């Protein structure tokens, strides 16, 4: 058990699917999971975006993975730079998402044993 962190930088579905699949597995294994979305990946946490890509052929439902991770205590954080850089508003994001800067994220993951980037 430890901290496992994921950085999502891409806006393609290929960035969010493995993040949620591996994140759910890490959370189920007892790790503390923290997922950080850079401005490039922030759109995945906009309300309704996961629903648009929730299912892929042969893949688990992304909403189920996301909600399962939340239930296991995973944290989701969007970089505050996405607000200005991408023109998003804090209220655009899913309710459970924290808005924070790189320093806040780095403080949360300073003891991380593994970091994945997608």
N, C-alpha and C. Protein backbone atom coordinates (compact mmCIF):
# COMPACT_ATOMS: atom_id res chain seq x y z
N UNK A 1 0.84 -1.17 0.00
CA UNK A 1 0.00 0.00 0.00
C UNK A 1 0.88 1.24 0.00
N UNK A 2 0.41 2.26 -0.65
CA UNK A 2 1.14 3.50 -0.75
C UNK A 2 0.33 4.46 -1.61
N UNK A 3 1.03 5.44 -2.13
CA UNK A 3 0.39 6.42 -2.99
C UNK A 3 0.74 6.11 -4.44
N UNK A 4 -0.27 6.00 -5.28
CA UNK A 4 -0.08 5.86 -6.72
C UNK A 4 -0.75 7.06 -7.36
N UNK A 5 -0.04 7.69 -8.27
CA UNK A 5 -0.56 8.90 -8.89
C UNK A 5 -0.56 8.77 -10.41
N UNK A 6 -1.50 9.47 -11.00
CA UNK A 6 -1.66 9.49 -12.45
C UNK A 6 -1.70 10.94 -12.91
N UNK A 7 -1.02 11.23 -14.00
CA UNK A 7 -1.08 12.54 -14.62
C UNK A 7 -1.71 12.36 -15.99
N UNK A 8 -2.80 13.08 -16.23
CA UNK A 8 -3.50 13.00 -17.51
C UNK A 8 -3.23 14.29 -18.26
N UNK A 9 -2.52 14.16 -19.38
CA UNK A 9 -2.14 15.32 -20.16
C UNK A 9 -2.84 15.36 -21.51
N UNK A 10 -3.32 14.22 -21.98
CA UNK A 10 -3.93 14.17 -23.30
C UNK A 10 -5.44 14.28 -23.25
N UNK A 11 -6.02 14.90 -24.28
CA UNK A 11 -7.47 15.03 -24.30
C UNK A 11 -8.15 13.89 -25.05
N UNK A 12 -7.37 12.97 -25.60
CA UNK A 12 -7.95 11.84 -26.32
C UNK A 12 -8.48 10.79 -25.34
N UNK A 13 -9.41 9.98 -25.82
CA UNK A 13 -9.95 8.88 -25.00
C UNK A 13 -8.82 7.95 -24.56
N UNK A 14 -7.80 7.83 -25.37
CA UNK A 14 -6.68 6.94 -25.04
C UNK A 14 -5.91 7.42 -23.82
N UNK A 15 -6.18 8.62 -23.34
CA UNK A 15 -5.54 9.10 -22.12
C UNK A 15 -6.36 8.79 -20.87
N UNK A 16 -7.67 8.80 -20.98
CA UNK A 16 -8.51 8.62 -19.79
C UNK A 16 -8.81 7.16 -19.51
N UNK A 17 -9.00 6.35 -20.54
CA UNK A 17 -9.35 4.94 -20.31
C UNK A 17 -8.30 4.21 -19.48
N UNK A 18 -7.02 4.23 -19.86
CA UNK A 18 -6.04 3.51 -19.05
C UNK A 18 -5.86 4.12 -17.66
N UNK A 19 -6.05 5.41 -17.56
CA UNK A 19 -5.95 6.06 -16.25
C UNK A 19 -6.99 5.50 -15.30
N UNK A 20 -8.24 5.42 -15.75
CA UNK A 20 -9.30 4.92 -14.88
C UNK A 20 -9.20 3.42 -14.65
N UNK A 21 -8.80 2.67 -15.65
CA UNK A 21 -8.65 1.22 -15.48
C UNK A 21 -7.54 0.92 -14.45
N UNK A 22 -6.38 1.51 -14.65
CA UNK A 22 -5.27 1.25 -13.74
C UNK A 22 -5.50 1.91 -12.38
N UNK A 23 -6.13 3.08 -12.39
CA UNK A 23 -6.43 3.75 -11.12
C UNK A 23 -7.39 2.95 -10.27
N UNK A 24 -8.41 2.36 -10.89
CA UNK A 24 -9.36 1.53 -10.16
C UNK A 24 -8.66 0.30 -9.59
N UNK A 25 -7.75 -0.27 -10.37
CA UNK A 25 -7.02 -1.44 -9.89
C UNK A 25 -6.13 -1.07 -8.69
N UNK A 26 -5.47 0.07 -8.78
CA UNK A 26 -4.60 0.50 -7.68
C UNK A 26 -5.42 0.80 -6.42
N UNK A 27 -6.56 1.46 -6.60
CA UNK A 27 -7.43 1.77 -5.46
C UNK A 27 -7.98 0.49 -4.84
N UNK A 28 -8.37 -0.47 -5.68
CA UNK A 28 -8.89 -1.75 -5.18
C UNK A 28 -7.81 -2.53 -4.43
N UNK A 29 -6.56 -2.32 -4.82
CA UNK A 29 -5.44 -2.99 -4.15
C UNK A 29 -5.06 -2.31 -2.84
N UNK A 30 -5.73 -1.19 -2.54
CA UNK A 30 -5.48 -0.52 -1.27
C UNK A 30 -4.59 0.70 -1.34
N UNK A 31 -4.17 1.09 -2.54
CA UNK A 31 -3.35 2.29 -2.66
C UNK A 31 -4.20 3.55 -2.54
N UNK A 32 -3.58 4.60 -2.05
CA UNK A 32 -4.17 5.93 -2.13
C UNK A 32 -3.92 6.40 -3.56
N UNK A 33 -4.96 6.79 -4.27
CA UNK A 33 -4.83 7.16 -5.67
C UNK A 33 -5.17 8.64 -5.84
N UNK A 34 -4.27 9.35 -6.53
CA UNK A 34 -4.47 10.76 -6.83
C UNK A 34 -4.27 10.94 -8.34
N UNK A 35 -5.28 11.51 -8.99
CA UNK A 35 -5.24 11.72 -10.43
C UNK A 35 -5.21 13.22 -10.68
N UNK A 36 -4.20 13.67 -11.41
CA UNK A 36 -4.01 15.10 -11.71
C UNK A 36 -4.18 15.32 -13.21
N UNK A 37 -5.05 16.25 -13.56
CA UNK A 37 -5.31 16.59 -14.95
C UNK A 37 -4.65 17.92 -15.27
N UNK A 38 -3.71 17.90 -16.21
CA UNK A 38 -3.10 19.14 -16.68
C UNK A 38 -4.13 19.86 -17.55
N UNK A 39 -3.85 21.09 -17.98
CA UNK A 39 -4.80 21.75 -18.87
C UNK A 39 -5.14 20.91 -20.11
N UNK A 40 -4.17 20.17 -20.62
CA UNK A 40 -4.42 19.34 -21.80
C UNK A 40 -5.43 18.22 -21.56
N UNK A 41 -5.47 17.68 -20.36
CA UNK A 41 -6.37 16.58 -20.05
C UNK A 41 -7.60 16.98 -19.27
N UNK A 42 -7.70 18.25 -18.92
CA UNK A 42 -8.77 18.73 -18.03
C UNK A 42 -10.17 18.48 -18.55
N UNK A 43 -10.34 18.45 -19.87
CA UNK A 43 -11.70 18.30 -20.41
C UNK A 43 -12.36 17.00 -19.96
N UNK A 44 -11.57 15.99 -19.61
CA UNK A 44 -12.14 14.72 -19.17
C UNK A 44 -12.96 14.87 -17.89
N UNK A 45 -12.70 15.90 -17.11
CA UNK A 45 -13.41 16.09 -15.85
C UNK A 45 -14.54 17.10 -15.95
N UNK A 46 -14.81 17.58 -17.17
CA UNK A 46 -15.96 18.45 -17.40
C UNK A 46 -17.22 17.59 -17.27
N UNK A 47 -18.24 18.12 -16.63
CA UNK A 47 -19.50 17.38 -16.47
C UNK A 47 -19.99 16.88 -17.83
N UNK A 48 -20.31 15.60 -17.89
CA UNK A 48 -20.85 15.00 -19.11
C UNK A 48 -19.83 14.41 -20.07
N UNK A 49 -18.55 14.75 -19.90
CA UNK A 49 -17.54 14.25 -20.85
C UNK A 49 -17.31 12.75 -20.71
N UNK A 50 -17.21 12.25 -19.49
CA UNK A 50 -17.01 10.80 -19.34
C UNK A 50 -18.20 10.03 -19.91
N UNK A 51 -19.37 10.58 -19.75
CA UNK A 51 -20.57 9.93 -20.27
C UNK A 51 -20.52 9.78 -21.79
N UNK A 52 -19.87 10.71 -22.46
CA UNK A 52 -19.75 10.65 -23.93
C UNK A 52 -18.90 9.49 -24.39
N UNK A 53 -17.94 9.08 -23.56
CA UNK A 53 -17.01 8.02 -23.94
C UNK A 53 -17.05 6.85 -22.95
N UNK A 54 -18.15 6.72 -22.23
CA UNK A 54 -18.23 5.78 -21.11
C UNK A 54 -17.91 4.34 -21.50
N UNK A 55 -18.28 3.93 -22.68
CA UNK A 55 -18.07 2.53 -23.05
C UNK A 55 -17.32 2.43 -24.36
N UNK A 56 -16.37 1.53 -24.37
CA UNK A 56 -15.65 1.22 -25.59
C UNK A 56 -15.68 -0.29 -25.77
N UNK A 57 -15.58 -0.73 -26.97
CA UNK A 57 -15.64 -2.16 -27.25
C UNK A 57 -14.56 -2.89 -26.45
N UNK A 58 -15.03 -3.81 -25.62
CA UNK A 58 -14.10 -4.61 -24.83
C UNK A 58 -13.51 -3.91 -23.61
N UNK A 59 -13.98 -2.70 -23.30
CA UNK A 59 -13.45 -1.95 -22.16
C UNK A 59 -14.52 -1.80 -21.08
N UNK A 60 -14.08 -1.68 -19.81
CA UNK A 60 -15.05 -1.42 -18.75
C UNK A 60 -15.68 -0.04 -18.91
N UNK A 61 -16.85 0.14 -18.32
CA UNK A 61 -17.55 1.41 -18.35
C UNK A 61 -16.76 2.44 -17.53
N UNK A 62 -16.44 3.57 -18.13
CA UNK A 62 -15.61 4.58 -17.45
C UNK A 62 -16.32 5.21 -16.26
N UNK A 63 -17.63 5.38 -16.36
CA UNK A 63 -18.39 5.94 -15.23
C UNK A 63 -18.31 5.00 -14.04
N UNK A 64 -18.47 3.70 -14.29
CA UNK A 64 -18.36 2.72 -13.20
C UNK A 64 -16.98 2.76 -12.56
N UNK A 65 -15.94 2.87 -13.38
CA UNK A 65 -14.58 2.95 -12.84
C UNK A 65 -14.38 4.21 -12.01
N UNK A 66 -14.83 5.34 -12.55
CA UNK A 66 -14.69 6.62 -11.86
C UNK A 66 -15.40 6.59 -10.51
N UNK A 67 -16.65 6.14 -10.52
CA UNK A 67 -17.43 6.10 -9.28
C UNK A 67 -16.84 5.09 -8.29
N UNK A 68 -16.34 3.97 -8.82
CA UNK A 68 -15.68 2.99 -7.95
C UNK A 68 -14.44 3.56 -7.29
N UNK A 69 -13.68 4.31 -8.06
CA UNK A 69 -12.47 4.95 -7.51
C UNK A 69 -12.85 5.94 -6.42
N UNK A 70 -13.87 6.75 -6.67
CA UNK A 70 -14.32 7.70 -5.65
C UNK A 70 -14.73 6.97 -4.38
N UNK A 71 -15.45 5.87 -4.55
CA UNK A 71 -15.88 5.08 -3.41
C UNK A 71 -14.73 4.51 -2.60
N UNK A 72 -13.59 4.33 -3.26
CA UNK A 72 -12.40 3.81 -2.58
C UNK A 72 -11.46 4.93 -2.13
N UNK A 73 -11.93 6.18 -2.24
CA UNK A 73 -11.16 7.31 -1.72
C UNK A 73 -10.22 7.99 -2.68
N UNK A 74 -10.28 7.65 -3.97
CA UNK A 74 -9.40 8.31 -4.94
C UNK A 74 -9.72 9.80 -5.02
N UNK A 75 -8.69 10.58 -5.28
CA UNK A 75 -8.84 12.03 -5.43
C UNK A 75 -8.59 12.41 -6.89
N UNK A 76 -9.39 13.35 -7.38
CA UNK A 76 -9.25 13.86 -8.74
C UNK A 76 -9.01 15.36 -8.65
N UNK A 77 -7.94 15.82 -9.30
CA UNK A 77 -7.55 17.22 -9.22
C UNK A 77 -7.29 17.76 -10.63
N UNK A 78 -7.83 18.93 -10.92
CA UNK A 78 -7.60 19.60 -12.20
C UNK A 78 -6.70 20.80 -11.94
N UNK A 79 -5.69 20.95 -12.77
CA UNK A 79 -4.77 22.08 -12.63
C UNK A 79 -5.52 23.40 -12.83
N UNK A 80 -5.29 24.30 -11.92
CA UNK A 80 -5.97 25.60 -11.97
C UNK A 80 -5.66 26.37 -13.25
N UNK A 81 -4.56 26.06 -13.90
CA UNK A 81 -4.23 26.73 -15.16
C UNK A 81 -5.24 26.42 -16.26
N UNK A 82 -5.97 25.32 -16.12
CA UNK A 82 -6.97 24.96 -17.13
C UNK A 82 -8.11 25.97 -17.16
N UNK A 83 -8.33 26.66 -16.05
CA UNK A 83 -9.42 27.63 -15.99
C UNK A 83 -9.17 28.73 -17.03
N UNK A 84 -8.03 29.35 -16.96
CA UNK A 84 -7.72 30.44 -17.89
C UNK A 84 -7.26 29.90 -19.24
N UNK A 85 -6.39 28.89 -19.22
CA UNK A 85 -5.79 28.38 -20.46
C UNK A 85 -6.82 27.79 -21.41
N UNK A 86 -7.79 27.07 -20.88
CA UNK A 86 -8.78 26.40 -21.72
C UNK A 86 -10.14 27.08 -21.69
N UNK A 87 -10.27 28.13 -20.89
CA UNK A 87 -11.53 28.86 -20.84
C UNK A 87 -12.61 28.15 -20.03
N UNK A 88 -12.22 27.22 -19.16
CA UNK A 88 -13.19 26.53 -18.32
C UNK A 88 -13.50 27.37 -17.09
N UNK A 89 -14.60 27.04 -16.44
CA UNK A 89 -14.96 27.63 -15.16
C UNK A 89 -14.96 26.51 -14.13
N UNK A 90 -14.73 26.84 -12.88
CA UNK A 90 -14.70 25.82 -11.83
C UNK A 90 -15.99 25.02 -11.81
N UNK A 91 -17.11 25.67 -12.05
CA UNK A 91 -18.40 24.98 -12.01
C UNK A 91 -18.63 24.05 -13.20
N UNK A 92 -17.75 24.11 -14.22
CA UNK A 92 -17.86 23.20 -15.36
C UNK A 92 -17.46 21.78 -15.00
N UNK A 93 -16.66 21.64 -13.95
CA UNK A 93 -16.09 20.34 -13.61
C UNK A 93 -17.02 19.52 -12.73
N UNK A 94 -16.79 18.22 -12.77
CA UNK A 94 -17.55 17.29 -11.93
C UNK A 94 -17.42 17.74 -10.48
N UNK A 95 -18.46 17.52 -9.74
CA UNK A 95 -18.57 17.99 -8.36
C UNK A 95 -17.42 17.52 -7.46
N UNK A 96 -16.93 16.32 -7.68
CA UNK A 96 -15.91 15.74 -6.79
C UNK A 96 -14.49 16.23 -7.10
N UNK A 97 -14.32 16.97 -8.16
CA UNK A 97 -13.00 17.38 -8.62
C UNK A 97 -12.51 18.61 -7.85
N UNK A 98 -11.27 18.52 -7.40
CA UNK A 98 -10.62 19.64 -6.74
C UNK A 98 -9.85 20.44 -7.78
N UNK A 99 -9.88 21.75 -7.68
CA UNK A 99 -9.08 22.62 -8.54
C UNK A 99 -7.86 23.02 -7.72
N UNK A 100 -6.69 22.82 -8.28
CA UNK A 100 -5.47 23.16 -7.53
C UNK A 100 -4.29 23.32 -8.45
N UNK A 101 -3.25 23.85 -7.90
CA UNK A 101 -2.04 24.09 -8.68
C UNK A 101 -1.03 22.96 -8.56
N UNK A 102 0.03 23.10 -9.30
CA UNK A 102 1.08 22.09 -9.32
C UNK A 102 1.69 21.89 -7.93
N UNK A 103 1.85 22.96 -7.18
CA UNK A 103 2.43 22.83 -5.84
C UNK A 103 1.54 22.00 -4.93
N UNK A 104 0.24 22.23 -4.98
CA UNK A 104 -0.70 21.43 -4.17
C UNK A 104 -0.62 19.96 -4.56
N UNK A 105 -0.61 19.71 -5.85
CA UNK A 105 -0.52 18.33 -6.33
C UNK A 105 0.79 17.68 -5.85
N UNK A 106 1.90 18.36 -6.04
CA UNK A 106 3.19 17.79 -5.65
C UNK A 106 3.27 17.51 -4.16
N UNK A 107 2.67 18.37 -3.36
CA UNK A 107 2.64 18.12 -1.91
C UNK A 107 1.84 16.87 -1.58
N UNK A 108 0.77 16.62 -2.31
CA UNK A 108 -0.07 15.44 -2.07
C UNK A 108 0.65 14.14 -2.45
N UNK A 109 1.51 14.21 -3.46
CA UNK A 109 2.11 12.98 -4.00
C UNK A 109 3.59 12.83 -3.66
N UNK A 110 4.07 13.59 -2.70
CA UNK A 110 5.51 13.53 -2.41
C UNK A 110 5.98 12.15 -1.97
N UNK A 111 5.07 11.32 -1.46
CA UNK A 111 5.42 9.97 -1.04
C UNK A 111 4.96 8.91 -2.03
N UNK A 112 4.62 9.33 -3.25
CA UNK A 112 4.12 8.38 -4.24
C UNK A 112 5.17 7.33 -4.58
N UNK A 113 4.72 6.10 -4.68
CA UNK A 113 5.63 5.01 -5.07
C UNK A 113 5.64 4.83 -6.58
N UNK A 114 4.54 5.23 -7.22
CA UNK A 114 4.43 5.06 -8.66
C UNK A 114 3.67 6.22 -9.26
N UNK A 115 4.17 6.71 -10.41
CA UNK A 115 3.48 7.75 -11.16
C UNK A 115 3.32 7.27 -12.60
N UNK A 116 2.09 7.33 -13.10
CA UNK A 116 1.80 7.00 -14.49
C UNK A 116 1.39 8.29 -15.19
N UNK A 117 1.78 8.43 -16.45
CA UNK A 117 1.40 9.60 -17.22
C UNK A 117 0.76 9.16 -18.53
N UNK A 118 -0.40 9.74 -18.81
CA UNK A 118 -1.12 9.43 -20.05
C UNK A 118 -1.49 10.72 -20.75
